[in-house]
């Protein structure tokens, strides 16, 4: 097809699909998290722990990618009454299909499954979602769905303001007794099954009062006006759709790479702890924070619908240290001013984000890079993760605390690593783990969630990483001695190497970033 014909086809597609709309009337049967679950397997397993720590939540960080996958599979297998899952991305790859199968098997046992997916990344998944939704014990709702199922560009043309706002929340809750909250979506790159790229990420497994808080958040989004029952948006499942799903899962289990990955999962530290019934929980106060789901339907200046004010209040004013880990760090003029003020008032401000050669979203790097010089002049310390340089959980034999290293490791076998964890620590006293990036999109456009944990132990581990591990795994960005530009310092055992341009990025990529910096797109990042 010639270029001119392709353009004509594209324009005709927009004209033909741009007028599609969502159903005007949607029947949503309100449901809430089940509470009669004390007699379940999870109830019997967690009751002695929660009773011994009344009013406290048990928090266990999921650092290893394989541990994070194992925890989800185990919760799906142990669930007796309910699974409530909320995700921004669910890929139809190895780990995605294995988790599809896990929730299907749970539904076959009679478990009620509620799956709430943001619709931005479900392209090509409609048959799979329809087949899953057709199971009598599985209900899927799509958050802020696209009306044009086959040509989504039509929605961006006719309804951009709405479809540009997404649900970025991530949680996995079993029997309203155990939950996983954090930065990981569902896909091979998040769980160490992708040999090409691995995201360094972080989740926490929680039991106790924090679980009901997550369930309340889930119910709010599940019953919101933006959550559409899948059957109102998708074409009906085909009669043989269940058989097609099972055939696909059988093929996954026959794949040698999948077999090797599952063997690795069975031998993770978490699986060993579960086998011995000795999961190491930190018992403390934990508070779930989240946006209101109506944020995607309201103007961006509605601060009462935004999570950021809650997060600032819950984390408190830093007095000594503020350590920030954000893969997509775009502080903006106001955020930059606030961080500089903290640094100039004696607070140690340290930031870890992706380097240009490690980021998976170049426009976001352009939004960040324009503020680097001002941050450095103001006294902030900036680290940028080296490409392919995982920050591994340190050796437990050398330091007991370090067995729960943060911010999290990517795939052990991946040839490239990109930071994806979103975690912040204040004064080595409290820590946030969740989906919230320090960028305009998280602040104004997307809905987010996370948990603030009062824990000097966990917050201290993150800060210790900044003291020790991160400087060897990331470039230190600083101003050149003559003040004419920036330099990137690579610390190796053999010494330091300095670069006057962004290391690992060629001239064309750097030119592209320079071009993006001048575009008025920061509000989209």
Protein backbone atom coordinates (compact mmCIF):
# COMPACT_ATOMS: atom_id res chain seq x y z
CA UNK A 1 0.00 0.00 0.00
CA UNK A 2 1.39 3.38 -0.98
CA UNK A 3 1.82 6.11 1.62
CA UNK A 4 -0.99 8.19 0.11
CA UNK A 5 -3.40 5.26 0.19
CA UNK A 6 -2.46 4.49 3.79
CA UNK A 7 -3.25 8.10 4.74
CA UNK A 8 -6.63 7.88 2.98
CA UNK A 9 -7.46 4.62 4.79
CA UNK A 10 -6.47 6.17 8.12
CA UNK A 11 -8.65 9.25 7.54
CA UNK A 12 -11.61 7.11 6.42
CA UNK A 13 -11.15 5.01 9.54
CA UNK A 14 -11.35 8.10 11.71
CA UNK A 15 -14.46 9.31 9.92
CA UNK A 16 -16.19 5.94 10.16
CA UNK A 17 -15.33 5.19 13.78
CA UNK A 18 -14.98 8.60 15.34
CA UNK A 19 -18.70 8.77 16.05
CA UNK A 20 -18.87 5.53 18.05
CA UNK A 21 -19.98 6.01 21.63
CA UNK A 22 -20.25 4.07 24.85
CA UNK A 23 -23.62 2.63 25.94
CA UNK A 24 -25.89 5.39 27.22
CA UNK A 25 -27.47 3.20 29.87
CA UNK A 26 -25.42 0.66 31.74
CA UNK A 27 -26.75 -1.62 34.44
CA UNK A 28 -24.15 -2.13 37.14
CA UNK A 29 -25.04 -4.44 39.98
CA UNK A 30 -23.24 -2.98 43.01
CA UNK A 31 -21.10 -5.49 44.87
CA UNK A 32 -18.68 -5.18 47.75
CA UNK A 33 -15.83 -7.16 49.25
CA UNK A 34 -16.85 -10.28 51.13
CA UNK A 35 -16.40 -10.18 54.88
CA UNK A 36 -17.41 -13.70 55.96
CA UNK A 37 -14.00 -15.19 55.24
CA UNK A 38 -12.53 -15.98 58.65
CA UNK A 39 -13.14 -19.71 58.16
CA UNK A 40 -11.15 -19.87 54.90
CA UNK A 41 -7.65 -21.25 54.57
CA UNK A 42 -6.25 -17.73 54.52
CA UNK A 43 -8.39 -16.82 57.50
CA UNK A 44 -7.10 -19.73 59.55
CA UNK A 45 -3.51 -19.00 58.51
CA UNK A 46 -3.54 -15.27 59.24
CA UNK A 47 -5.78 -15.15 62.33
CA UNK A 48 -3.05 -16.11 64.85
CA UNK A 49 -0.77 -13.41 63.39
CA UNK A 50 -3.32 -10.61 63.26
CA UNK A 51 -4.67 -11.50 66.72
CA UNK A 52 -1.18 -11.24 68.16
CA UNK A 53 -0.75 -7.77 66.60
CA UNK A 54 -4.18 -6.22 67.12
CA UNK A 55 -4.70 -3.01 65.16
CA UNK A 56 -1.46 -3.44 63.23
CA UNK A 57 -0.95 -4.48 59.63
CA UNK A 58 1.62 -7.05 58.59
CA UNK A 59 3.76 -5.82 55.69
CA UNK A 60 6.17 -7.94 53.66
CA UNK A 61 8.06 -6.26 50.77
CA UNK A 62 8.10 -8.20 47.51
CA UNK A 63 11.53 -7.31 46.18
CA UNK A 64 12.41 -10.12 43.78
CA UNK A 65 10.40 -10.17 40.57
CA UNK A 66 9.86 -13.92 40.86
CA UNK A 67 8.68 -13.53 44.45
CA UNK A 68 6.10 -10.99 43.30
CA UNK A 69 4.71 -13.45 40.77
CA UNK A 70 4.79 -16.33 43.24
CA UNK A 71 2.83 -14.30 45.81
CA UNK A 72 0.03 -13.65 43.34
CA UNK A 73 -0.18 -17.28 42.24
CA UNK A 74 -0.22 -18.47 45.84
CA UNK A 75 -3.00 -16.05 46.80
CA UNK A 76 -5.05 -17.17 43.79
CA UNK A 77 -4.57 -20.82 44.78
CA UNK A 78 -5.39 -20.22 48.45
CA UNK A 79 -8.50 -18.09 47.82
CA UNK A 80 -11.68 -19.85 48.92
CA UNK A 81 -14.30 -17.08 48.52
CA UNK A 82 -13.08 -14.10 46.51
CA UNK A 83 -10.39 -12.53 44.36
CA UNK A 84 -10.50 -8.77 43.69
CA UNK A 85 -7.92 -7.65 41.13
CA UNK A 86 -7.30 -4.13 39.80
CA UNK A 87 -4.69 -3.42 37.12
CA UNK A 88 -3.57 -0.88 34.56
CA UNK A 89 -1.84 -3.43 32.30
CA UNK A 90 -2.37 -7.16 31.88
CA UNK A 91 -0.31 -8.63 29.04
CA UNK A 92 -1.27 -11.84 27.29
CA UNK A 93 2.28 -13.21 27.63
CA UNK A 94 3.65 -16.08 29.73
CA UNK A 95 2.98 -14.65 33.20
CA UNK A 96 -0.22 -12.98 32.04
CA UNK A 97 -1.63 -16.26 30.78
CA UNK A 98 -0.46 -18.15 33.87
CA UNK A 99 -2.37 -15.66 36.03
CA UNK A 100 -5.42 -15.87 33.73
CA UNK A 101 -5.33 -19.62 34.37
CA UNK A 102 -4.88 -19.12 38.12
CA UNK A 103 -8.00 -16.97 38.42
CA UNK A 104 -9.93 -19.32 36.11
CA UNK A 105 -9.00 -22.29 38.30
CA UNK A 106 -10.11 -20.31 41.36
CA UNK A 107 -13.44 -19.57 39.69
CA UNK A 108 -13.82 -23.27 38.91
CA UNK A 109 -13.55 -23.90 42.67
CA UNK A 110 -16.42 -21.49 43.27
CA UNK A 111 -14.35 -18.38 44.08
CA UNK A 112 -15.99 -15.08 43.10
CA UNK A 113 -13.55 -13.21 40.86
CA UNK A 114 -13.89 -9.49 40.20
CA UNK A 115 -11.34 -8.12 37.73
CA UNK A 116 -11.16 -4.39 37.07
CA UNK A 117 -8.88 -3.47 34.16
CA UNK A 118 -8.05 -0.10 32.75
CA UNK A 119 -8.95 -0.27 29.06
CA UNK A 120 -5.94 1.62 27.68
CA UNK A 121 -3.81 -1.50 27.20
CA UNK A 122 -6.38 -4.17 26.33
CA UNK A 123 -6.00 -3.89 22.56
CA UNK A 124 -6.28 -7.36 21.02
CA UNK A 125 -7.54 -8.88 24.28
CA UNK A 126 -11.29 -8.58 23.68
CA UNK A 127 -11.82 -12.31 22.84
CA UNK A 128 -9.82 -13.38 25.91
CA UNK A 129 -11.63 -10.97 28.20
CA UNK A 130 -15.02 -11.99 26.83
CA UNK A 131 -14.18 -15.67 27.35
CA UNK A 132 -13.11 -15.07 30.95
CA UNK A 133 -16.12 -12.88 31.65
CA UNK A 134 -18.41 -15.62 30.35
CA UNK A 135 -17.44 -17.83 33.30
CA UNK A 136 -20.28 -17.68 35.83
CA UNK A 137 -17.89 -16.85 38.69
CA UNK A 138 -15.79 -14.23 36.88
CA UNK A 139 -16.92 -10.67 36.26
CA UNK A 140 -14.72 -8.23 34.38
CA UNK A 141 -15.24 -4.49 34.28
CA UNK A 142 -13.31 -2.14 32.01
CA UNK A 143 -12.41 1.25 33.43
CA UNK A 144 -12.94 4.23 31.15
CA UNK A 145 -13.30 2.00 28.06
CA UNK A 146 -12.78 2.87 24.43
CA UNK A 147 -15.92 2.93 22.34
CA UNK A 148 -14.01 2.01 19.17
CA UNK A 149 -12.78 -1.49 19.88
CA UNK A 150 -10.98 -2.07 16.59
CA UNK A 151 -9.70 1.45 15.83
CA UNK A 152 -8.91 3.22 19.07
CA UNK A 153 -7.41 6.21 17.32
CA UNK A 154 -10.99 7.26 16.67
CA UNK A 155 -11.54 7.80 20.40
CA UNK A 156 -8.37 9.88 20.66
CA UNK A 157 -9.74 12.12 17.94
CA UNK A 158 -13.33 12.41 19.13
CA UNK A 159 -12.96 11.96 22.91
CA UNK A 160 -9.33 12.73 23.77
CA UNK A 161 -9.99 14.50 27.08
CA UNK A 162 -11.67 11.41 28.49
CA UNK A 163 -9.54 8.57 27.11
CA UNK A 164 -6.34 10.42 28.02
CA UNK A 165 -7.20 9.85 31.71
CA UNK A 166 -6.46 6.38 32.99
CA UNK A 167 -6.74 4.15 36.06
CA UNK A 168 -3.12 3.40 37.03
CA UNK A 169 -4.03 1.59 40.30
CA UNK A 170 -2.68 -1.90 41.03
CA UNK A 171 -3.87 -4.36 43.67
CA UNK A 172 -4.47 -8.10 44.14
CA UNK A 173 -6.65 -9.16 47.09
CA UNK A 174 -7.69 -12.66 48.18
CA UNK A 175 -10.63 -13.37 50.50
CA UNK A 176 -10.38 -9.82 51.86
CA UNK A 177 -7.58 -11.18 54.06
CA UNK A 178 -4.34 -10.69 52.09
CA UNK A 179 -3.47 -8.08 49.52
CA UNK A 180 -0.64 -7.01 47.21
CA UNK A 181 -0.19 -3.32 46.41
CA UNK A 182 2.62 -1.66 44.52
CA UNK A 183 4.03 -0.72 41.16
CA UNK A 184 3.87 -3.98 39.22
CA UNK A 185 1.37 -4.58 36.43
CA UNK A 186 0.89 -8.06 34.97
CA UNK A 187 3.44 -8.98 32.35
CA UNK A 188 6.73 -10.81 31.86
CA UNK A 189 8.88 -7.69 32.25
CA UNK A 190 7.46 -7.16 35.76
CA UNK A 191 8.02 -10.71 37.02
CA UNK A 192 11.44 -11.66 35.70
CA UNK A 193 10.21 -13.79 32.81
CA UNK A 194 11.47 -11.50 30.03
CA UNK A 195 15.06 -12.12 28.99
CA UNK A 196 15.27 -8.89 26.98
CA UNK A 197 14.16 -6.33 29.56
CA UNK A 198 13.23 -6.42 33.23
CA UNK A 199 11.52 -3.71 35.25
CA UNK A 200 12.95 -3.03 38.68
CA UNK A 201 9.81 -2.73 40.75
CA UNK A 202 8.38 -3.09 44.22
CA UNK A 203 5.18 -4.39 45.81
CA UNK A 204 4.18 -5.13 49.38
CA UNK A 205 2.14 -8.07 50.65
CA UNK A 206 -0.17 -7.01 53.44
CA UNK A 207 -2.44 -8.66 56.01
CA UNK A 208 -4.49 -7.13 58.80
CA UNK A 209 -6.40 -3.81 58.70
CA UNK A 210 -4.65 -2.60 55.53
CA UNK A 211 -6.53 -5.24 53.53
CA UNK A 212 -9.95 -3.78 54.27
CA UNK A 213 -8.64 -0.37 53.22
CA UNK A 214 -7.59 -1.81 49.86
CA UNK A 215 -10.96 -3.52 49.52
CA UNK A 216 -12.77 -0.25 50.20
CA UNK A 217 -10.71 1.39 47.45
CA UNK A 218 -11.50 -1.47 45.08
CA UNK A 219 -15.23 -1.30 45.78
CA UNK A 220 -15.24 2.45 45.15
CA UNK A 221 -13.68 1.99 41.71
CA UNK A 222 -15.62 -1.19 40.89
CA UNK A 223 -18.98 0.52 41.48
CA UNK A 224 -18.00 3.83 39.87
CA UNK A 225 -19.58 5.33 36.76
CA UNK A 226 -16.38 4.71 34.77
CA UNK A 227 -16.33 0.94 35.39
CA UNK A 228 -18.28 -0.73 32.56
CA UNK A 229 -19.27 -4.40 32.76
CA UNK A 230 -17.31 -6.11 30.00
CA UNK A 231 -20.47 -7.55 28.47
CA UNK A 232 -21.74 -4.03 27.72
CA UNK A 233 -18.64 -3.18 25.70
CA UNK A 234 -17.27 -6.42 24.23
CA UNK A 235 -18.69 -8.76 21.63
CA UNK A 236 -20.06 -12.00 23.16
CA UNK A 237 -17.66 -14.89 23.69
CA UNK A 238 -17.66 -17.64 21.08
CA UNK A 239 -19.07 -21.05 22.08
CA UNK A 240 -15.62 -22.64 22.05
CA UNK A 241 -13.88 -19.77 23.82
CA UNK A 242 -13.21 -21.68 27.05
CA UNK A 243 -11.57 -24.51 25.12
CA UNK A 244 -9.45 -21.97 23.25
CA UNK A 245 -8.25 -20.51 26.55
CA UNK A 246 -7.26 -23.93 27.87
CA UNK A 247 -5.38 -24.76 24.67
CA UNK A 248 -3.42 -21.56 25.03
CA UNK A 249 -2.54 -22.32 28.64
CA UNK A 250 -1.44 -25.85 27.73
CA UNK A 251 0.95 -24.39 25.15
CA UNK A 252 2.42 -22.03 27.73
CA UNK A 253 3.16 -24.94 30.07
CA UNK A 254 4.91 -26.76 27.21
CA UNK A 255 7.17 -23.81 26.43
CA UNK A 256 10.74 -24.52 27.67
CA UNK A 257 11.25 -20.90 28.76
CA UNK A 258 8.02 -21.02 30.78
CA UNK A 259 9.07 -24.32 32.36
CA UNK A 260 12.42 -22.83 33.41
CA UNK A 261 10.70 -19.73 34.76
CA UNK A 262 8.21 -21.74 36.84
CA UNK A 263 11.10 -23.80 38.24
CA UNK A 264 12.76 -20.56 39.31
CA UNK A 265 9.53 -19.34 40.90
CA UNK A 266 9.19 -22.55 42.91
CA UNK A 267 12.64 -21.91 44.39
CA UNK A 268 12.22 -18.26 45.39
CA UNK A 269 12.88 -17.11 48.98
CA UNK A 270 9.18 -16.37 49.46
CA UNK A 271 8.16 -19.89 48.47
CA UNK A 272 10.61 -21.26 51.02
CA UNK A 273 9.14 -18.98 53.70
CA UNK A 274 5.60 -20.04 52.79
CA UNK A 275 6.58 -23.71 52.92
CA UNK A 276 7.93 -23.25 56.43
CA UNK A 277 5.02 -20.94 57.40
CA UNK A 278 7.52 -18.27 58.44
CA UNK A 279 6.80 -15.23 56.27
CA UNK A 280 8.62 -12.26 57.76
CA UNK A 281 6.05 -9.49 58.33
CA UNK A 282 6.75 -6.00 59.64
CA UNK A 283 3.90 -5.19 62.08
CA UNK A 284 3.07 -1.51 61.93
CA UNK A 285 0.55 1.15 60.96
CA UNK A 286 -0.28 1.32 57.26
CA UNK A 287 -2.63 3.68 55.45
CA UNK A 288 -3.95 3.25 51.91
CA UNK A 289 -4.17 6.41 49.82
CA UNK A 290 -5.96 6.71 46.50
CA UNK A 291 -7.56 9.10 44.06
CA UNK A 292 -11.30 9.32 43.62
CA UNK A 293 -12.39 7.45 40.45
CA UNK A 294 -14.35 10.51 39.30
CA UNK A 295 -10.99 12.21 38.76
CA UNK A 296 -11.09 10.91 35.18
CA UNK A 297 -14.36 12.73 34.58
CA UNK A 298 -13.55 16.05 36.27
CA UNK A 299 -11.37 19.06 35.41
CA UNK A 300 -7.70 18.72 36.32
CA UNK A 301 -7.84 21.48 38.94
CA UNK A 302 -10.16 19.53 41.27
CA UNK A 303 -7.65 19.01 44.09
CA UNK A 304 -10.26 17.26 46.25
CA UNK A 305 -10.24 14.37 43.77
CA UNK A 306 -6.46 14.05 43.72
CA UNK A 307 -4.19 11.84 45.76
CA UNK A 308 -1.21 14.20 45.94
CA UNK A 309 -2.52 16.35 48.84
CA UNK A 310 -3.23 13.17 50.83
CA UNK A 311 0.25 11.85 50.09
CA UNK A 312 2.00 15.05 51.17
CA UNK A 313 0.02 15.12 54.42
CA UNK A 314 0.54 11.43 55.21
CA UNK A 315 4.29 11.50 54.53
CA UNK A 316 4.78 14.67 56.60
CA UNK A 317 7.27 17.49 56.23
CA UNK A 318 10.81 16.07 55.91
CA UNK A 319 13.18 17.32 58.60
CA UNK A 320 16.38 15.47 57.70
CA UNK A 321 16.03 13.31 54.59
CA UNK A 322 13.77 12.81 51.59
CA UNK A 323 14.59 9.86 49.32
CA UNK A 324 12.58 9.55 46.10
CA UNK A 325 12.48 6.68 43.62
CA UNK A 326 10.40 7.41 40.52
CA UNK A 327 10.93 5.97 37.03
CA UNK A 328 9.02 8.86 35.45
CA UNK A 329 10.21 11.91 37.36
CA UNK A 330 8.87 15.22 36.06
CA UNK A 331 8.83 17.57 39.06
CA UNK A 332 7.56 20.63 37.19
CA UNK A 333 8.28 24.18 38.25
CA UNK A 334 6.41 23.95 41.54
CA UNK A 335 7.82 20.56 42.50
CA UNK A 336 11.32 21.68 41.67
CA UNK A 337 10.87 24.78 43.81
CA UNK A 338 9.63 22.68 46.74
CA UNK A 339 12.54 20.23 46.52
CA UNK A 340 15.07 23.06 46.29
CA UNK A 341 13.53 24.77 49.33
CA UNK A 342 13.85 21.55 51.30
CA UNK A 343 17.49 21.12 50.28
CA UNK A 344 18.31 24.72 51.13
CA UNK A 345 16.70 24.23 54.55
CA UNK A 346 19.11 21.42 55.34
CA UNK A 347 17.08 18.41 54.19
CA UNK A 348 19.09 15.82 52.25
CA UNK A 349 17.08 15.36 49.01
CA UNK A 350 18.07 12.35 46.90
CA UNK A 351 16.34 11.17 43.71
CA UNK A 352 16.72 7.98 41.69
CA UNK A 353 15.16 7.91 38.23
CA UNK A 354 15.94 6.34 34.87
CA UNK A 355 18.82 7.51 32.72
CA UNK A 356 18.06 8.35 29.11
CA UNK A 357 19.55 5.03 28.02
CA UNK A 358 17.44 3.11 30.57
CA UNK A 359 14.06 4.83 30.25
CA UNK A 360 11.25 3.25 28.25
CA UNK A 361 9.48 6.62 27.72
CA UNK A 362 11.73 9.23 26.12
CA UNK A 363 9.23 12.14 26.29
CA UNK A 364 9.12 11.76 30.08
CA UNK A 365 12.90 12.01 30.22
CA UNK A 366 12.63 15.24 28.24
CA UNK A 367 10.16 16.55 30.80
CA UNK A 368 12.61 15.71 33.58
CA UNK A 369 15.87 16.84 32.01
CA UNK A 370 14.86 20.50 31.79
CA UNK A 371 14.77 20.67 35.63
CA UNK A 372 18.06 18.89 36.37
CA UNK A 373 20.28 21.94 36.49
CA UNK A 374 17.94 23.87 38.78
CA UNK A 375 17.65 20.90 41.15
CA UNK A 376 21.41 20.46 41.28
CA UNK A 377 22.01 24.16 41.85
CA UNK A 378 19.53 24.00 44.72
CA UNK A 379 21.35 21.16 46.45
CA UNK A 380 19.40 18.04 45.42
CA UNK A 381 21.32 14.85 44.63
CA UNK A 382 20.33 13.12 41.38
CA UNK A 383 21.01 9.51 40.39
CA UNK A 384 20.05 7.99 37.04
CA UNK A 385 19.89 4.20 36.75
CA UNK A 386 22.40 2.67 34.36
CA UNK A 387 20.86 0.61 31.54
CA UNK A 388 20.79 -3.05 32.48
CA UNK A 389 22.02 -2.34 36.00
CA UNK A 390 19.65 -4.01 38.44
CA UNK A 391 19.64 -2.98 42.09
CA UNK A 392 19.61 -6.48 43.61
CA UNK A 393 18.44 -7.37 47.10
CA UNK A 394 21.66 -7.57 49.10
CA UNK A 395 23.12 -10.58 50.83
CA UNK A 396 21.15 -11.68 53.87
CA UNK A 397 24.19 -13.42 55.33
CA UNK A 398 26.00 -10.06 55.59
CA UNK A 399 23.12 -8.00 56.93
CA UNK A 400 19.76 -9.30 58.12
CA UNK A 401 17.88 -6.12 57.12
CA UNK A 402 19.31 -6.21 53.63
CA UNK A 403 17.42 -9.38 52.76
CA UNK A 404 14.51 -7.05 52.08
CA UNK A 405 16.46 -4.67 49.88
CA UNK A 406 14.69 -1.87 48.07
CA UNK A 407 13.63 -0.50 45.61
CA UNK A 408 13.37 -3.90 44.04
CA UNK A 409 15.09 -5.98 41.42
CA UNK A 410 14.15 -6.73 37.90
CA UNK A 411 14.57 -10.02 36.11
CA UNK A 412 17.64 -11.96 37.17
CA UNK A 413 18.27 -13.00 33.58
CA UNK A 414 17.29 -9.87 31.68
CA UNK A 415 19.89 -8.17 29.53
CA UNK A 416 18.41 -4.73 30.24
CA UNK A 417 16.81 -3.16 33.28
CA UNK A 418 14.55 -0.16 33.61
CA UNK A 419 13.37 1.38 36.86
CA UNK A 420 9.63 1.04 37.50
CA UNK A 421 9.33 1.19 41.31
CA UNK A 422 7.59 4.17 42.88
CA UNK A 423 8.65 4.56 46.48
CA UNK A 424 9.52 7.50 48.74
CA UNK A 425 10.98 7.63 52.26
CA UNK A 426 10.92 10.50 54.76
CA UNK A 427 13.48 10.80 57.58
CA UNK A 428 13.98 7.01 57.59
CA UNK A 429 10.67 6.79 59.46
CA UNK A 430 7.91 6.21 56.89
CA UNK A 431 7.76 4.94 53.34
CA UNK A 432 5.28 5.02 50.45
CA UNK A 433 4.88 2.13 48.01
CA UNK A 434 2.39 2.27 45.18
CA UNK A 435 1.60 3.34 41.63
CA UNK A 436 2.20 7.09 42.01
CA UNK A 437 4.89 8.65 39.81
CA UNK A 438 6.24 12.10 40.55
CA UNK A 439 4.92 13.55 37.30
CA UNK A 440 1.97 15.65 36.05
CA UNK A 441 0.11 12.59 34.75
CA UNK A 442 -0.09 10.98 38.17
CA UNK A 443 -0.96 14.30 39.78
CA UNK A 444 -3.63 15.48 37.36
CA UNK A 445 -4.73 12.85 34.82
CA UNK A 446 -4.48 9.29 36.11
CA UNK A 447 -5.95 7.73 39.22
CA UNK A 448 -3.35 6.23 41.55
CA UNK A 449 -3.09 4.32 44.80
CA UNK A 450 -0.50 3.20 47.31
CA UNK A 451 0.21 2.62 50.97
CA UNK A 452 2.09 4.78 53.48
CA UNK A 453 3.86 2.56 56.01
CA UNK A 454 5.12 3.78 59.37
CA UNK A 455 8.29 1.74 59.43
CA UNK A 456 11.81 2.91 60.30
CA UNK A 457 12.99 -0.55 59.23
CA UNK A 458 11.61 -0.40 55.68
CA UNK A 459 12.22 3.33 55.20
CA UNK A 460 15.74 2.86 56.53
CA UNK A 461 16.46 0.11 54.01
CA UNK A 462 15.60 2.44 51.13
CA UNK A 463 17.79 5.19 52.55
CA UNK A 464 20.64 2.71 53.09
CA UNK A 465 20.36 1.79 49.41
CA UNK A 466 21.00 5.45 48.59
CA UNK A 467 23.98 5.36 50.95
CA UNK A 468 25.56 2.23 49.50
CA UNK A 469 24.11 0.35 46.53
CA UNK A 470 22.51 2.99 44.33
CA UNK A 471 25.71 5.03 43.81
CA UNK A 472 27.29 1.95 42.21
CA UNK A 473 24.26 1.07 40.08
CA UNK A 474 23.38 4.53 38.84
CA UNK A 475 25.10 7.56 37.37
CA UNK A 476 25.59 10.46 39.75
CA UNK A 477 24.55 13.60 37.90
CA UNK A 478 26.38 16.76 38.91
CA UNK A 479 27.33 20.15 37.57
CA UNK A 480 30.72 20.42 35.91
CA UNK A 481 33.40 22.25 37.87
CA UNK A 482 33.34 25.21 35.46
CA UNK A 483 29.55 25.48 35.78
CA UNK A 484 29.04 25.22 32.01
CA UNK A 485 27.11 21.97 31.94
CA UNK A 486 26.38 18.65 33.57
CA UNK A 487 28.39 15.47 33.91
CA UNK A 488 27.47 11.88 34.66
CA UNK A 489 29.77 10.01 37.01
CA UNK A 490 30.00 6.22 36.76
CA UNK A 491 31.45 4.72 39.93
CA UNK A 492 33.17 1.37 39.39
CA UNK A 493 35.47 -0.68 41.65
CA UNK A 494 38.37 0.46 39.49
CA UNK A 495 37.51 4.15 39.81
CA UNK A 496 35.27 6.88 38.41
CA UNK A 497 34.46 7.66 34.79
CA UNK A 498 32.86 10.97 33.87
CA UNK A 499 30.74 11.72 30.80
CA UNK A 500 29.92 15.18 29.48
CA UNK A 501 26.86 13.91 27.57
CA UNK A 502 24.17 11.44 28.61
CA UNK A 503 25.98 8.06 28.63
CA UNK A 504 24.72 5.26 26.46
CA UNK A 505 22.59 7.58 24.32
CA UNK A 506 23.62 8.46 20.77
CA UNK A 507 23.49 11.93 19.22
CA UNK A 508 20.18 11.32 17.45
CA UNK A 509 18.46 10.29 20.68
CA UNK A 510 19.91 13.29 22.52
CA UNK A 511 18.76 15.59 19.70
CA UNK A 512 15.28 14.08 19.95
CA UNK A 513 15.19 14.85 23.68
CA UNK A 514 16.32 18.43 23.00
CA UNK A 515 13.43 18.80 20.56
CA UNK A 516 10.90 17.32 22.97
CA UNK A 517 12.04 19.67 25.75
CA UNK A 518 10.72 22.72 23.88
CA UNK A 519 7.31 21.23 23.09
CA UNK A 520 4.38 22.22 25.37
CA UNK A 521 3.64 18.60 26.36
CA UNK A 522 4.62 18.53 30.03
CA UNK A 523 0.99 18.35 31.18
CA UNK A 524 0.65 15.06 29.27
CA UNK A 525 3.70 13.38 30.83
